[in-house]
Amino acid sequence: MEESSPILSGIAVVAVTVVAIISMKVVRWLWLRPKMYEKFLKDQGYHANSYRILRGDMLDFAAMAQENRPKQIKLADNVSFHALPYIHSIIKKYGIVSTQTLCVQGKSSNCHSLLNDRCQSAGKRAFIWFGPTPSIQVIDPEQIREIMSKPSIFHKMHPNPLGDMILGGLISSEDAKWSRDRKIMNPAFHLEKLKVYSAS
């Protein structure tokens, strides 16, 4: 019995260490990193709701989507309000949002400097929370064009790896795969081919 006590104490020390490391990572993921992003983005002039642990803006997003789902719309109605009501409410509140989202992961300082240079003339700037991840919202077509042409600087959000695997394509691919897919698809969207599609 006395020989097993050093083994048990060693196992206990290892278990406590593992639990402490996992706890620190969870706290960093759920609280410290989002608060750091929030401070950084607000210092840069972006507006948003304060971070709410784990859920971010997702409950508001889901509630507005559910509230507006049963309503019938006319062809002349503003479809964006019914399709993405939460994003539409952010447009009214902060003045700038679109469906192009950029994940702020701190991978590239070029990303932040390019956005700041381009957004100075755009007025209000906003971001929303997808859980613990902030998502910068961009509405200016020139900014979107620049963002889409620099996939190595501006990384896409990947909240659900299974969804990326099922959907694939330009929406979820990045870097070399994105470039290869875009080269394959690009000829289909030349003006002459689009004229042929619209004529039929």
N, C-alpha and C. Protein backbone atom coordinates (compact mmCIF):
# COMPACT_ATOMS: atom_id res chain seq x y z
N MET A 1 0.82 -1.19 0.00
CA MET A 1 0.00 0.00 0.00
C MET A 1 0.86 1.25 0.00
N GLU A 2 1.97 1.24 0.75
CA GLU A 2 2.85 2.41 0.82
C GLU A 2 3.54 2.65 -0.51
N GLU A 3 3.82 1.58 -1.30
CA GLU A 3 4.48 1.74 -2.59
C GLU A 3 3.56 2.39 -3.62
N SER A 4 2.26 2.19 -3.51
CA SER A 4 1.34 2.74 -4.50
C SER A 4 1.02 4.22 -4.25
N SER A 5 1.28 4.74 -3.07
CA SER A 5 0.94 6.14 -2.79
C SER A 5 1.76 7.13 -3.64
N PRO A 6 3.06 6.92 -3.94
CA PRO A 6 3.74 7.85 -4.86
C PRO A 6 3.16 7.79 -6.27
N ILE A 7 2.71 6.61 -6.67
CA ILE A 7 2.10 6.49 -8.00
C ILE A 7 0.78 7.25 -8.04
N LEU A 8 -0.02 7.07 -6.98
CA LEU A 8 -1.30 7.77 -6.91
C LEU A 8 -1.10 9.28 -6.83
N SER A 9 -0.13 9.72 -6.07
CA SER A 9 0.11 11.17 -5.98
C SER A 9 0.61 11.71 -7.33
N GLY A 10 1.41 10.94 -8.05
CA GLY A 10 1.86 11.35 -9.38
C GLY A 10 0.70 11.46 -10.35
N ILE A 11 -0.20 10.48 -10.30
CA ILE A 11 -1.39 10.52 -11.16
C ILE A 11 -2.26 11.73 -10.80
N ALA A 12 -2.39 12.00 -9.51
CA ALA A 12 -3.19 13.15 -9.07
C ALA A 12 -2.58 14.46 -9.56
N VAL A 13 -1.26 14.58 -9.49
CA VAL A 13 -0.59 15.80 -9.97
C VAL A 13 -0.80 15.96 -11.47
N VAL A 14 -0.66 14.88 -12.22
CA VAL A 14 -0.87 14.94 -13.67
C VAL A 14 -2.32 15.32 -13.98
N ALA A 15 -3.27 14.72 -13.28
CA ALA A 15 -4.69 15.02 -13.50
C ALA A 15 -5.00 16.47 -13.20
N VAL A 16 -4.49 17.00 -12.09
CA VAL A 16 -4.73 18.40 -11.73
C VAL A 16 -4.10 19.33 -12.77
N THR A 17 -2.90 18.98 -13.24
CA THR A 17 -2.23 19.79 -14.26
C THR A 17 -3.04 19.81 -15.56
N VAL A 18 -3.51 18.64 -15.99
CA VAL A 18 -4.31 18.56 -17.22
C VAL A 18 -5.59 19.37 -17.09
N VAL A 19 -6.29 19.23 -15.95
CA VAL A 19 -7.53 19.99 -15.72
C VAL A 19 -7.24 21.49 -15.72
N ALA A 20 -6.14 21.91 -15.10
CA ALA A 20 -5.78 23.34 -15.06
C ALA A 20 -5.48 23.88 -16.46
N ILE A 21 -4.76 23.11 -17.26
CA ILE A 21 -4.43 23.55 -18.62
C ILE A 21 -5.69 23.65 -19.47
N ILE A 22 -6.56 22.65 -19.40
CA ILE A 22 -7.81 22.68 -20.16
C ILE A 22 -8.68 23.85 -19.70
N SER A 23 -8.75 24.07 -18.39
CA SER A 23 -9.54 25.19 -17.86
C SER A 23 -9.01 26.52 -18.37
N MET A 24 -7.68 26.70 -18.38
CA MET A 24 -7.09 27.94 -18.88
C MET A 24 -7.42 28.15 -20.36
N LYS A 25 -7.37 27.07 -21.16
CA LYS A 25 -7.68 27.19 -22.58
C LYS A 25 -9.14 27.56 -22.80
N VAL A 26 -10.03 26.95 -22.02
CA VAL A 26 -11.46 27.25 -22.14
C VAL A 26 -11.74 28.70 -21.76
N VAL A 27 -11.15 29.18 -20.66
CA VAL A 27 -11.33 30.57 -20.24
C VAL A 27 -10.79 31.51 -21.31
N ARG A 28 -9.65 31.17 -21.87
CA ARG A 28 -9.08 32.01 -22.93
C ARG A 28 -9.99 32.03 -24.15
N TRP A 29 -10.53 30.89 -24.54
CA TRP A 29 -11.39 30.78 -25.71
C TRP A 29 -12.73 31.48 -25.49
N LEU A 30 -13.33 31.30 -24.30
CA LEU A 30 -14.67 31.82 -24.04
C LEU A 30 -14.70 33.27 -23.54
N TRP A 31 -13.62 33.74 -22.93
CA TRP A 31 -13.68 35.08 -22.33
C TRP A 31 -12.52 36.00 -22.73
N LEU A 32 -11.29 35.58 -22.50
CA LEU A 32 -10.16 36.49 -22.69
C LEU A 32 -9.97 36.90 -24.15
N ARG A 33 -9.96 35.94 -25.07
CA ARG A 33 -9.75 36.27 -26.48
C ARG A 33 -10.90 37.13 -27.04
N PRO A 34 -12.19 36.78 -26.80
CA PRO A 34 -13.27 37.65 -27.29
C PRO A 34 -13.19 39.08 -26.73
N LYS A 35 -12.85 39.22 -25.45
CA LYS A 35 -12.75 40.56 -24.86
C LYS A 35 -11.58 41.33 -25.48
N MET A 36 -10.50 40.63 -25.80
CA MET A 36 -9.36 41.27 -26.47
C MET A 36 -9.78 41.75 -27.87
N TYR A 37 -10.49 40.89 -28.62
CA TYR A 37 -10.98 41.28 -29.94
C TYR A 37 -11.94 42.46 -29.83
N GLU A 38 -12.82 42.41 -28.86
CA GLU A 38 -13.80 43.48 -28.68
C GLU A 38 -13.11 44.82 -28.44
N LYS A 39 -12.13 44.83 -27.55
CA LYS A 39 -11.39 46.06 -27.27
C LYS A 39 -10.65 46.55 -28.51
N PHE A 40 -10.00 45.64 -29.20
CA PHE A 40 -9.24 46.00 -30.40
C PHE A 40 -10.15 46.61 -31.46
N LEU A 41 -11.28 45.96 -31.73
CA LEU A 41 -12.19 46.44 -32.76
C LEU A 41 -12.86 47.76 -32.38
N LYS A 42 -13.23 47.90 -31.11
CA LYS A 42 -13.85 49.16 -30.68
C LYS A 42 -12.84 50.30 -30.71
N ASP A 43 -11.57 50.00 -30.41
CA ASP A 43 -10.53 51.02 -30.54
C ASP A 43 -10.34 51.45 -31.99
N GLN A 44 -10.62 50.55 -32.94
CA GLN A 44 -10.49 50.85 -34.36
C GLN A 44 -11.72 51.56 -34.92
N GLY A 45 -12.75 51.75 -34.09
CA GLY A 45 -13.95 52.47 -34.53
C GLY A 45 -15.10 51.59 -34.95
N TYR A 46 -15.05 50.29 -34.68
CA TYR A 46 -16.16 49.40 -35.01
C TYR A 46 -17.16 49.41 -33.87
N HIS A 47 -18.43 49.22 -34.22
CA HIS A 47 -19.51 49.22 -33.23
C HIS A 47 -20.14 47.84 -33.17
N ALA A 48 -20.60 47.46 -31.98
CA ALA A 48 -21.27 46.16 -31.82
C ALA A 48 -21.88 46.07 -30.44
N ASN A 49 -22.69 45.04 -30.25
CA ASN A 49 -23.16 44.70 -28.91
C ASN A 49 -21.97 44.20 -28.12
N SER A 50 -22.01 44.36 -26.81
CA SER A 50 -20.95 43.79 -25.98
C SER A 50 -20.97 42.28 -26.08
N TYR A 51 -19.79 41.67 -25.93
CA TYR A 51 -19.69 40.21 -26.01
C TYR A 51 -20.48 39.56 -24.88
N ARG A 52 -21.25 38.56 -25.23
CA ARG A 52 -21.97 37.75 -24.25
C ARG A 52 -21.40 36.34 -24.32
N ILE A 53 -20.99 35.83 -23.19
CA ILE A 53 -20.21 34.59 -23.13
C ILE A 53 -20.88 33.46 -23.91
N LEU A 54 -20.10 32.81 -24.72
CA LEU A 54 -20.43 31.64 -25.54
C LEU A 54 -21.43 31.92 -26.66
N ARG A 55 -22.52 32.61 -26.39
CA ARG A 55 -23.56 32.75 -27.40
C ARG A 55 -23.38 33.94 -28.32
N GLY A 56 -22.71 34.98 -27.86
CA GLY A 56 -22.55 36.17 -28.70
C GLY A 56 -23.90 36.73 -29.09
N ASP A 57 -24.11 36.97 -30.37
CA ASP A 57 -25.38 37.51 -30.88
C ASP A 57 -26.28 36.43 -31.46
N MET A 58 -25.92 35.17 -31.29
CA MET A 58 -26.63 34.09 -31.98
C MET A 58 -28.07 33.92 -31.51
N LEU A 59 -28.38 34.13 -30.23
CA LEU A 59 -29.76 34.00 -29.77
C LEU A 59 -30.63 35.10 -30.37
N ASP A 60 -30.11 36.33 -30.43
CA ASP A 60 -30.85 37.43 -31.07
C ASP A 60 -31.06 37.13 -32.54
N PHE A 61 -30.01 36.63 -33.18
CA PHE A 61 -30.05 36.29 -34.60
C PHE A 61 -31.15 35.25 -34.84
N ALA A 62 -31.16 34.19 -34.04
CA ALA A 62 -32.15 33.11 -34.20
C ALA A 62 -33.56 33.58 -33.88
N ALA A 63 -33.70 34.41 -32.83
CA ALA A 63 -35.04 34.91 -32.44
C ALA A 63 -35.63 35.78 -33.54
N MET A 64 -34.83 36.67 -34.11
CA MET A 64 -35.34 37.52 -35.20
C MET A 64 -35.68 36.70 -36.43
N ALA A 65 -34.88 35.69 -36.73
CA ALA A 65 -35.16 34.83 -37.88
C ALA A 65 -36.47 34.07 -37.67
N GLN A 66 -36.68 33.56 -36.46
CA GLN A 66 -37.91 32.83 -36.15
C GLN A 66 -39.12 33.75 -36.18
N GLU A 67 -38.97 34.95 -35.67
CA GLU A 67 -40.07 35.91 -35.62
C GLU A 67 -40.52 36.32 -37.03
N ASN A 68 -39.59 36.43 -37.96
CA ASN A 68 -39.92 36.88 -39.31
C ASN A 68 -40.17 35.74 -40.29
N ARG A 69 -39.97 34.50 -39.87
CA ARG A 69 -40.13 33.37 -40.79
C ARG A 69 -41.57 33.19 -41.29
N PRO A 70 -42.59 33.24 -40.45
CA PRO A 70 -43.93 32.93 -40.95
C PRO A 70 -44.56 34.02 -41.81
N LYS A 71 -43.98 35.19 -41.85
CA LYS A 71 -44.58 36.29 -42.58
C LYS A 71 -44.43 36.09 -44.09
N GLN A 72 -45.50 36.38 -44.79
CA GLN A 72 -45.45 36.35 -46.25
C GLN A 72 -44.97 37.70 -46.74
N ILE A 73 -44.23 37.68 -47.82
CA ILE A 73 -43.73 38.93 -48.36
C ILE A 73 -44.17 39.09 -49.80
N LYS A 74 -44.26 40.34 -50.23
CA LYS A 74 -44.61 40.64 -51.61
C LYS A 74 -43.32 40.79 -52.40
N LEU A 75 -43.45 40.72 -53.70
CA LEU A 75 -42.30 40.83 -54.57
C LEU A 75 -41.61 42.19 -54.43
N ALA A 76 -42.36 43.22 -54.11
CA ALA A 76 -41.81 44.58 -53.98
C ALA A 76 -41.19 44.83 -52.61
N ASP A 77 -41.37 43.93 -51.65
CA ASP A 77 -40.83 44.13 -50.30
C ASP A 77 -39.32 44.00 -50.28
N ASN A 78 -38.72 44.57 -49.24
CA ASN A 78 -37.27 44.47 -49.03
C ASN A 78 -36.96 43.06 -48.55
N VAL A 79 -36.38 42.25 -49.42
CA VAL A 79 -36.13 40.84 -49.11
C VAL A 79 -35.06 40.69 -48.04
N SER A 80 -34.08 41.60 -48.00
CA SER A 80 -32.99 41.47 -47.03
C SER A 80 -33.51 41.49 -45.60
N PHE A 81 -34.56 42.27 -45.33
CA PHE A 81 -35.11 42.32 -43.99
C PHE A 81 -35.68 40.97 -43.58
N HIS A 82 -36.32 40.28 -44.51
CA HIS A 82 -36.95 38.99 -44.19
C HIS A 82 -35.94 37.85 -44.23
N ALA A 83 -34.94 37.94 -45.08
CA ALA A 83 -33.95 36.87 -45.18
C ALA A 83 -32.98 36.90 -44.02
N LEU A 84 -32.49 38.07 -43.68
CA LEU A 84 -31.52 38.22 -42.59
C LEU A 84 -31.94 39.39 -41.69
N PRO A 85 -32.97 39.19 -40.88
CA PRO A 85 -33.49 40.32 -40.10
C PRO A 85 -32.50 40.89 -39.09
N TYR A 86 -31.66 40.05 -38.50
CA TYR A 86 -30.70 40.57 -37.51
C TYR A 86 -29.67 41.47 -38.19
N ILE A 87 -29.18 41.03 -39.33
CA ILE A 87 -28.20 41.83 -40.06
C ILE A 87 -28.87 43.12 -40.53
N HIS A 88 -30.13 43.05 -40.93
CA HIS A 88 -30.86 44.26 -41.33
C HIS A 88 -30.99 45.22 -40.14
N SER A 89 -31.21 44.69 -38.94
CA SER A 89 -31.30 45.56 -37.75
C SER A 89 -29.95 46.21 -37.45
N ILE A 90 -28.86 45.50 -37.71
CA ILE A 90 -27.52 46.08 -37.51
C ILE A 90 -27.30 47.21 -38.54
N ILE A 91 -27.83 47.04 -39.75
CA ILE A 91 -27.72 48.10 -40.76
C ILE A 91 -28.38 49.37 -40.23
N LYS A 92 -29.57 49.22 -39.68
CA LYS A 92 -30.28 50.40 -39.16
C LYS A 92 -29.54 51.00 -37.96
N LYS A 93 -29.01 50.14 -37.12
CA LYS A 93 -28.38 50.61 -35.88
C LYS A 93 -27.02 51.26 -36.13
N TYR A 94 -26.17 50.63 -36.95
CA TYR A 94 -24.80 51.10 -37.12
C TYR A 94 -24.50 51.65 -38.51
N GLY A 95 -25.38 51.40 -39.45
CA GLY A 95 -25.21 52.02 -40.76
C GLY A 95 -24.36 51.28 -41.77
N ILE A 96 -23.70 50.19 -41.41
CA ILE A 96 -22.89 49.47 -42.38
C ILE A 96 -22.87 47.99 -42.06
N VAL A 97 -23.33 47.19 -42.99
CA VAL A 97 -23.29 45.73 -42.85
C VAL A 97 -23.59 45.12 -44.20
N SER A 98 -23.00 44.00 -44.48
CA SER A 98 -23.42 43.19 -45.62
C SER A 98 -23.23 41.74 -45.25
N THR A 99 -23.50 40.85 -46.18
CA THR A 99 -23.36 39.44 -45.87
C THR A 99 -21.94 38.94 -46.01
N GLN A 100 -21.00 39.79 -46.45
CA GLN A 100 -19.60 39.37 -46.54
C GLN A 100 -18.99 39.44 -45.14
N THR A 101 -18.66 38.31 -44.55
CA THR A 101 -18.11 38.31 -43.21
C THR A 101 -16.64 37.94 -43.23
N LEU A 102 -15.91 38.56 -42.32
CA LEU A 102 -14.49 38.29 -42.20
C LEU A 102 -14.22 37.85 -40.77
N CYS A 103 -13.55 36.77 -40.62
CA CYS A 103 -13.22 36.30 -39.28
C CYS A 103 -11.97 37.00 -38.79
N VAL A 104 -12.05 37.60 -37.62
CA VAL A 104 -10.90 38.28 -37.04
C VAL A 104 -10.14 37.25 -36.21
N GLN A 105 -9.06 36.74 -36.76
CA GLN A 105 -8.31 35.71 -36.06
C GLN A 105 -6.91 36.17 -35.74
N GLY A 106 -6.59 37.42 -36.02
CA GLY A 106 -5.27 37.95 -35.70
C GLY A 106 -4.16 37.31 -36.50
N LYS A 107 -4.47 36.69 -37.64
CA LYS A 107 -3.44 36.00 -38.42
C LYS A 107 -2.61 36.97 -39.23
N SER A 108 -3.20 38.13 -39.57
CA SER A 108 -2.48 39.04 -40.45
C SER A 108 -2.73 40.48 -40.06
N SER A 109 -1.66 41.23 -39.83
CA SER A 109 -1.82 42.64 -39.53
C SER A 109 -2.23 43.39 -40.78
N ASN A 110 -1.90 42.86 -41.98
CA ASN A 110 -2.31 43.51 -43.22
C ASN A 110 -3.83 43.61 -43.32
N CYS A 111 -4.52 42.58 -42.83
CA CYS A 111 -5.97 42.54 -42.87
C CYS A 111 -6.54 43.76 -42.17
N HIS A 112 -6.09 44.04 -40.95
CA HIS A 112 -6.63 45.14 -40.17
C HIS A 112 -6.25 46.49 -40.78
N SER A 113 -5.02 46.65 -41.25
CA SER A 113 -4.61 47.93 -41.81
C SER A 113 -5.35 48.22 -43.12
N LEU A 114 -5.56 47.19 -43.96
CA LEU A 114 -6.30 47.39 -45.20
C LEU A 114 -7.75 47.77 -44.91
N LEU A 115 -8.35 47.08 -43.96
CA LEU A 115 -9.73 47.40 -43.63
C LEU A 115 -9.85 48.82 -43.09
N ASN A 116 -8.94 49.22 -42.22
CA ASN A 116 -9.01 50.55 -41.64
C ASN A 116 -8.83 51.62 -42.70
N ASP A 117 -7.88 51.42 -43.63
CA ASP A 117 -7.68 52.39 -44.70
C ASP A 117 -8.93 52.53 -45.55
N ARG A 118 -9.56 51.40 -45.89
CA ARG A 118 -10.71 51.43 -46.78
C ARG A 118 -11.99 51.89 -46.07
N CYS A 119 -12.10 51.66 -44.77
CA CYS A 119 -13.34 51.96 -44.07
C CYS A 119 -13.43 53.40 -43.57
N GLN A 120 -12.35 54.17 -43.67
CA GLN A 120 -12.40 55.54 -43.15
C GLN A 120 -13.51 56.34 -43.81
N SER A 121 -13.71 56.13 -45.11
CA SER A 121 -14.72 56.90 -45.82
C SER A 121 -16.09 56.25 -45.78
N ALA A 122 -16.21 55.06 -45.20
CA ALA A 122 -17.47 54.32 -45.26
C ALA A 122 -18.43 54.69 -44.15
N GLY A 123 -18.06 55.56 -43.23
CA GLY A 123 -18.95 55.92 -42.15
C GLY A 123 -18.85 54.93 -41.01
N LYS A 124 -20.00 54.54 -40.48
CA LYS A 124 -20.00 53.65 -39.34
C LYS A 124 -19.56 52.25 -39.75
N ARG A 125 -18.89 51.57 -38.83
CA ARG A 125 -18.41 50.22 -39.07
C ARG A 125 -18.95 49.32 -37.97
N ALA A 126 -19.24 48.07 -38.29
CA ALA A 126 -19.86 47.19 -37.31
C ALA A 126 -19.29 45.78 -37.37
N PHE A 127 -19.48 45.07 -36.27
CA PHE A 127 -19.19 43.64 -36.25
C PHE A 127 -20.24 42.97 -35.39
N ILE A 128 -20.45 41.68 -35.63
CA ILE A 128 -21.38 40.90 -34.82
C ILE A 128 -20.65 39.69 -34.28
N TRP A 129 -21.24 39.08 -33.27
CA TRP A 129 -20.61 37.94 -32.59
C TRP A 129 -21.24 36.64 -33.04
N PHE A 130 -20.44 35.74 -33.60
CA PHE A 130 -20.85 34.35 -33.86
C PHE A 130 -20.22 33.53 -32.76
N GLY A 131 -20.93 33.40 -31.65
CA GLY A 131 -20.34 32.76 -30.48
C GLY A 131 -19.21 33.63 -29.98
N PRO A 132 -18.05 33.05 -29.73
CA PRO A 132 -16.91 33.84 -29.26
C PRO A 132 -16.08 34.47 -30.38
N THR A 133 -16.57 34.41 -31.62
CA THR A 133 -15.81 34.92 -32.76
C THR A 133 -16.48 36.17 -33.33
N PRO A 134 -15.76 37.30 -33.37
CA PRO A 134 -16.35 38.50 -33.98
C PRO A 134 -16.27 38.40 -35.50
N SER A 135 -17.26 38.98 -36.15
CA SER A 135 -17.31 38.96 -37.60
C SER A 135 -17.52 40.39 -38.09
N ILE A 136 -16.52 40.93 -38.79
CA ILE A 136 -16.61 42.29 -39.31
C ILE A 136 -17.56 42.27 -40.49
N GLN A 137 -18.43 43.27 -40.55
CA GLN A 137 -19.40 43.37 -41.62
C GLN A 137 -18.99 44.46 -42.60
N VAL A 138 -18.98 44.14 -43.88
CA VAL A 138 -18.52 45.06 -44.92
C VAL A 138 -19.64 45.25 -45.94
N ILE A 139 -19.91 46.50 -46.33
CA ILE A 139 -20.98 46.77 -47.29
C ILE A 139 -20.48 47.39 -48.59
N ASP A 140 -19.38 48.08 -48.56
CA ASP A 140 -18.87 48.79 -49.72
C ASP A 140 -18.39 47.80 -50.79
N PRO A 141 -18.92 47.89 -52.04
CA PRO A 141 -18.52 46.94 -53.09
C PRO A 141 -17.02 46.95 -53.38
N GLU A 142 -16.38 48.11 -53.30
CA GLU A 142 -14.93 48.18 -53.54
C GLU A 142 -14.17 47.40 -52.46
N GLN A 143 -14.61 47.52 -51.22
CA GLN A 143 -13.97 46.77 -50.13
C GLN A 143 -14.18 45.27 -50.34
N ILE A 144 -15.40 44.90 -50.71
CA ILE A 144 -15.69 43.48 -50.93
C ILE A 144 -14.83 42.94 -52.06
N ARG A 145 -14.68 43.72 -53.15
CA ARG A 145 -13.84 43.29 -54.27
C ARG A 145 -12.40 43.09 -53.81
N GLU A 146 -11.89 44.03 -53.01
CA GLU A 146 -10.52 43.91 -52.53
C GLU A 146 -10.37 42.70 -51.60
N ILE A 147 -11.35 42.50 -50.75
CA ILE A 147 -11.31 41.37 -49.82
C ILE A 147 -11.33 40.04 -50.58
N MET A 148 -12.22 39.94 -51.57
CA MET A 148 -12.34 38.70 -52.33
C MET A 148 -11.11 38.44 -53.19
N SER A 149 -10.38 39.48 -53.56
CA SER A 149 -9.20 39.28 -54.40
C SER A 149 -7.95 38.97 -53.59
N LYS A 150 -8.03 39.03 -52.26
CA LYS A 150 -6.88 38.75 -51.40
C LYS A 150 -7.22 37.68 -50.37
N PRO A 151 -7.47 36.46 -50.83
CA PRO A 151 -7.90 35.41 -49.90
C PRO A 151 -6.82 34.98 -48.91
N SER A 152 -5.55 35.26 -49.21
CA SER A 152 -4.50 34.86 -48.27
C SER A 152 -4.41 35.81 -47.08
N ILE A 153 -4.95 37.02 -47.23
CA ILE A 153 -4.93 38.00 -46.13
C ILE A 153 -6.22 37.92 -45.33
N PHE A 154 -7.36 37.90 -46.03
CA PHE A 154 -8.67 37.89 -45.38
C PHE A 154 -9.20 36.47 -45.33
N HIS A 155 -9.20 35.88 -44.15
CA HIS A 155 -9.63 34.49 -44.01
C HIS A 155 -11.13 34.41 -43.75
N LYS A 156 -11.72 33.34 -44.23
CA LYS A 156 -13.16 33.13 -44.06
C LYS A 156 -13.45 32.45 -42.74
N MET A 157 -14.68 32.65 -42.28
CA MET A 157 -15.11 31.96 -41.05
C MET A 157 -15.36 30.49 -41.34
N HIS A 158 -15.02 29.65 -40.41
CA HIS A 158 -15.29 28.21 -40.52
C HIS A 158 -15.93 27.74 -39.22
N PRO A 159 -17.20 28.15 -38.96
CA PRO A 159 -17.82 27.76 -37.70
C PRO A 159 -18.16 26.29 -37.62
N ASN A 160 -18.37 25.65 -38.78
CA ASN A 160 -18.78 24.26 -38.78
C ASN A 160 -17.97 23.49 -39.82
N PRO A 161 -16.93 22.76 -39.38
CA PRO A 161 -16.10 22.01 -40.34
C PRO A 161 -16.90 21.00 -41.17
N LEU A 162 -17.95 20.41 -40.58
CA LEU A 162 -18.77 19.45 -41.32
C LEU A 162 -19.49 20.16 -42.47
N GLY A 163 -19.99 21.38 -42.21
CA GLY A 163 -20.65 22.15 -43.26
C GLY A 163 -19.69 22.48 -44.39
N ASP A 164 -18.44 22.82 -44.05
CA ASP A 164 -17.44 23.11 -45.07
C ASP A 164 -17.19 21.88 -45.94
N MET A 165 -17.16 20.71 -45.30
CA MET A 165 -16.90 19.48 -46.02
C MET A 165 -18.06 19.16 -46.98
N ILE A 166 -19.29 19.41 -46.54
CA ILE A 166 -20.45 19.09 -47.37
C ILE A 166 -20.61 20.12 -48.49
N LEU A 167 -20.53 21.42 -48.14
CA LEU A 167 -20.76 22.47 -49.12
C LEU A 167 -19.56 22.66 -50.05
N GLY A 168 -18.38 22.83 -49.48
CA GLY A 168 -17.18 23.02 -50.28
C GLY A 168 -17.29 24.23 -51.19
N GLY A 169 -16.54 24.24 -52.28
CA GLY A 169 -16.62 25.30 -53.26
C GLY A 169 -15.94 26.58 -52.84
N LEU A 170 -16.20 27.65 -53.58
CA LEU A 170 -15.57 28.95 -53.33
C LEU A 170 -15.96 29.55 -51.99
N ILE A 171 -17.14 29.22 -51.51
CA ILE A 171 -17.62 29.82 -50.26
C ILE A 171 -16.73 29.44 -49.09
N SER A 172 -16.32 28.19 -49.01
CA SER A 172 -15.56 27.75 -47.85
C SER A 172 -14.08 27.50 -48.12
N SER A 173 -13.67 27.42 -49.39
CA SER A 173 -12.27 27.10 -49.67
C SER A 173 -11.38 28.33 -49.50
N GLU A 174 -10.11 28.09 -49.27
CA GLU A 174 -9.15 29.17 -49.06
C GLU A 174 -7.84 28.87 -49.78
N ASP A 175 -7.03 29.92 -49.91
CA ASP A 175 -5.67 29.85 -50.42
C ASP A 175 -5.59 29.13 -51.78
N ALA A 176 -4.75 28.10 -51.90
CA ALA A 176 -4.50 27.45 -53.19
C ALA A 176 -5.76 26.79 -53.76
N LYS A 177 -6.57 26.17 -52.91
CA LYS A 177 -7.80 25.52 -53.38
C LYS A 177 -8.77 26.56 -53.92
N TRP A 178 -8.89 27.71 -53.23
CA TRP A 178 -9.76 28.78 -53.69
C TRP A 178 -9.30 29.29 -55.05
N SER A 179 -7.99 29.53 -55.21
CA SER A 179 -7.45 30.03 -56.48
C SER A 179 -7.71 29.05 -57.61
N ARG A 180 -7.49 27.77 -57.35
CA ARG A 180 -7.72 26.74 -58.37
C ARG A 180 -9.20 26.68 -58.76
N ASP A 181 -10.10 26.68 -57.77
CA ASP A 181 -11.54 26.63 -58.05
C ASP A 181 -12.00 27.88 -58.80
N ARG A 182 -11.46 29.03 -58.44
CA ARG A 182 -11.85 30.27 -59.10
C ARG A 182 -11.39 30.28 -60.56
N LYS A 183 -10.19 29.78 -60.83
CA LYS A 183 -9.72 29.70 -62.22
C LYS A 183 -10.61 28.78 -63.05
N ILE A 184 -11.07 27.70 -62.45
CA ILE A 184 -11.95 26.77 -63.16
C ILE A 184 -13.30 27.42 -63.45
N MET A 185 -13.86 28.16 -62.47
CA MET A 185 -15.20 28.74 -62.61
C MET A 185 -15.22 30.07 -63.36
N ASN A 186 -14.13 30.78 -63.37
CA ASN A 186 -14.09 32.14 -63.92
C ASN A 186 -14.60 32.24 -65.35
N PRO A 187 -14.23 31.35 -66.27
CA PRO A 187 -14.71 31.49 -67.65
C PRO A 187 -16.24 31.45 -67.77
N ALA A 188 -16.91 30.79 -66.88
CA ALA A 188 -18.37 30.70 -66.95
C ALA A 188 -19.04 32.04 -66.69
N PHE A 189 -18.33 32.98 -66.09
CA PHE A 189 -18.93 34.26 -65.72
C PHE A 189 -18.45 35.43 -66.58
N HIS A 190 -17.85 35.14 -67.74
CA HIS A 190 -17.48 36.22 -68.66
C HIS A 190 -18.76 36.82 -69.23
N LEU A 191 -18.71 38.08 -69.59
CA LEU A 191 -19.88 38.82 -70.04
C LEU A 191 -20.55 38.16 -71.25
N GLU A 192 -19.77 37.66 -72.20
CA GLU A 192 -20.34 37.03 -73.39
C GLU A 192 -21.17 35.79 -73.01
N LYS A 193 -20.64 35.00 -72.10
CA LYS A 193 -21.36 33.79 -71.69
C LYS A 193 -22.62 34.15 -70.90
N LEU A 194 -22.55 35.19 -70.08
CA LEU A 194 -23.72 35.61 -69.33
C LEU A 194 -24.82 36.12 -70.27
N LYS A 195 -24.43 36.80 -71.36
CA LYS A 195 -25.41 37.24 -72.36
C LYS A 195 -26.12 36.05 -72.99
N VAL A 196 -25.37 34.99 -73.26
CA VAL A 196 -25.97 33.78 -73.83
C VAL A 196 -26.94 33.16 -72.85
N TYR A 197 -26.56 33.11 -71.55
CA TYR A 197 -27.45 32.54 -70.53
C TYR A 197 -28.72 33.36 -70.39
N SER A 198 -28.60 34.69 -70.43
CA SER A 198 -29.78 35.54 -70.23
C SER A 198 -30.69 35.53 -71.44
N ALA A 199 -30.13 35.28 -72.63
CA ALA A 199 -30.94 35.26 -73.85
C ALA A 199 -31.85 34.03 -73.90
N SER A 200 -31.42 32.94 -73.28
CA SER A 200 -32.23 31.70 -73.37
C SER A 200 -33.30 31.63 -72.33
